[in-house]
Amino acid sequence: RFVPKRMVPFSFPLSKCALWDPVPMGDVIGAHITYYRNPRLSLVEKTLRLAYRHAKQNEKKSFSCFLLGTLAVDEDGEGITLTIDRFDPGREV
């Protein structure tokens, strides 16, 4: 969870059986995706055209849809690439 200007720790729901000791140990580290990596976004043109066509044909001013893709760490380990290659218009109901 990201709160503007400060990081907050992860929290998990309560359970009857714990698999690890929940007491914090060690120094606090940042876990934001851009803290250690250089992000890159790659969008397939066909996917963008499908989304644009769907938006133009939709009678409502706003609508819901899904853009699906993959997240990969670059070969040099210095960056991540989010490749969006699928469009799903979702369902009206």
Protein backbone atom coordinates (compact mmCIF):
# COMPACT_ATOMS: atom_id res chain seq x y z
CA ARG A 1 0.00 0.00 0.00
CA PHE A 2 1.44 3.39 -0.98
CA VAL A 3 0.63 6.48 1.05
CA PRO A 4 1.86 9.81 -0.37
CA LYS A 5 5.24 10.87 1.02
CA ARG A 6 5.70 7.82 3.25
CA MET A 7 5.85 4.07 3.04
CA VAL A 8 3.74 1.83 5.27
CA PRO A 9 4.52 -1.80 6.19
CA PHE A 10 2.72 -4.76 4.66
CA SER A 11 -0.08 -6.23 6.73
CA PHE A 12 -1.72 -9.63 6.44
CA PRO A 13 -5.12 -10.77 7.74
CA LEU A 14 -5.24 -12.47 11.13
CA SER A 15 -5.22 -16.25 11.17
CA LYS A 16 -5.32 -19.01 13.78
CA CYS A 17 -1.99 -20.49 12.73
CA ALA A 18 1.10 -18.41 11.88
CA LEU A 19 3.82 -19.79 9.65
CA TRP A 20 6.38 -17.23 10.81
CA ASP A 21 7.08 -14.92 13.71
CA PRO A 22 5.30 -11.59 12.96
CA VAL A 23 7.71 -9.51 15.08
CA PRO A 24 9.68 -7.11 12.82
CA MET A 25 13.40 -7.88 12.52
CA GLY A 26 16.15 -5.79 10.95
CA ASP A 27 16.09 -2.44 9.21
CA VAL A 28 13.13 -1.09 7.25
CA ILE A 29 13.54 -1.27 3.47
CA GLY A 30 11.54 0.29 0.66
CA ALA A 31 9.45 -2.06 -1.47
CA HIS A 32 8.11 0.36 -4.10
CA ILE A 33 8.55 -0.98 -7.63
CA THR A 34 10.52 2.08 -8.81
CA TYR A 35 12.76 2.24 -5.73
CA TYR A 36 15.40 -0.13 -7.14
CA ARG A 37 14.33 -0.54 -10.78
CA ASN A 38 13.88 1.68 -13.83
CA PRO A 39 10.35 0.98 -15.15
CA ARG A 40 9.54 0.80 -18.87
CA LEU A 41 6.08 0.47 -20.44
CA SER A 42 5.59 -1.27 -23.77
CA LEU A 43 2.15 -1.18 -25.40
CA VAL A 44 1.30 -3.19 -28.52
CA GLU A 45 -0.26 -0.93 -31.18
CA LYS A 46 -3.04 -3.41 -31.98
CA THR A 47 -4.11 -3.41 -28.32
CA LEU A 48 -4.21 0.38 -28.22
CA ARG A 49 -6.26 0.52 -31.44
CA LEU A 50 -8.78 -2.02 -30.07
CA ALA A 51 -9.19 -0.02 -26.86
CA TYR A 52 -9.58 3.23 -28.82
CA ARG A 53 -12.19 1.69 -31.16
CA HIS A 54 -14.12 0.28 -28.21
CA ALA A 55 -14.08 3.68 -26.47
CA LYS A 56 -15.39 5.45 -29.59
CA GLN A 57 -18.20 2.91 -30.06
CA ASN A 58 -19.24 3.03 -26.41
CA GLU A 59 -22.23 5.29 -25.79
CA LYS A 60 -21.26 6.05 -22.19
CA LYS A 61 -18.68 8.71 -21.34
CA SER A 62 -16.81 6.30 -19.07
CA PHE A 63 -16.53 2.54 -19.19
CA SER A 64 -14.54 -0.27 -17.62
CA CYS A 65 -12.06 -2.49 -19.42
CA PHE A 66 -8.90 -4.53 -18.77
CA LEU A 67 -5.45 -4.14 -20.25
CA LEU A 68 -3.48 -7.36 -19.71
CA GLY A 69 0.20 -8.04 -20.06
CA THR A 70 3.40 -9.32 -18.52
CA LEU A 71 5.96 -7.90 -16.12
CA ALA A 72 9.61 -8.91 -16.61
CA VAL A 73 12.96 -7.96 -15.13
CA ASP A 74 15.46 -6.82 -17.78
CA GLU A 75 18.50 -9.00 -18.52
CA ASP A 76 20.87 -6.57 -16.83
CA GLY A 77 18.72 -6.59 -13.69
CA GLU A 78 18.52 -2.80 -13.64
CA GLY A 79 15.01 -2.31 -14.98
CA ILE A 80 11.57 -3.82 -15.37
CA THR A 81 9.37 -3.88 -18.45
CA LEU A 82 5.58 -3.98 -18.39
CA THR A 83 4.36 -5.22 -21.78
CA ILE A 84 0.64 -4.69 -22.38
CA ASP A 85 -0.49 -6.90 -25.23
CA ARG A 86 -4.15 -7.77 -24.65
CA PHE A 87 -7.39 -5.80 -24.38
CA ASP A 88 -10.52 -7.14 -22.69
CA PRO A 89 -13.61 -4.90 -22.82
CA GLY A 90 -15.15 -6.74 -19.87
CA ARG A 91 -18.87 -7.26 -19.40
CA GLU A 92 -21.63 -4.75 -18.93
CA VAL A 93 -23.34 -6.81 -16.19
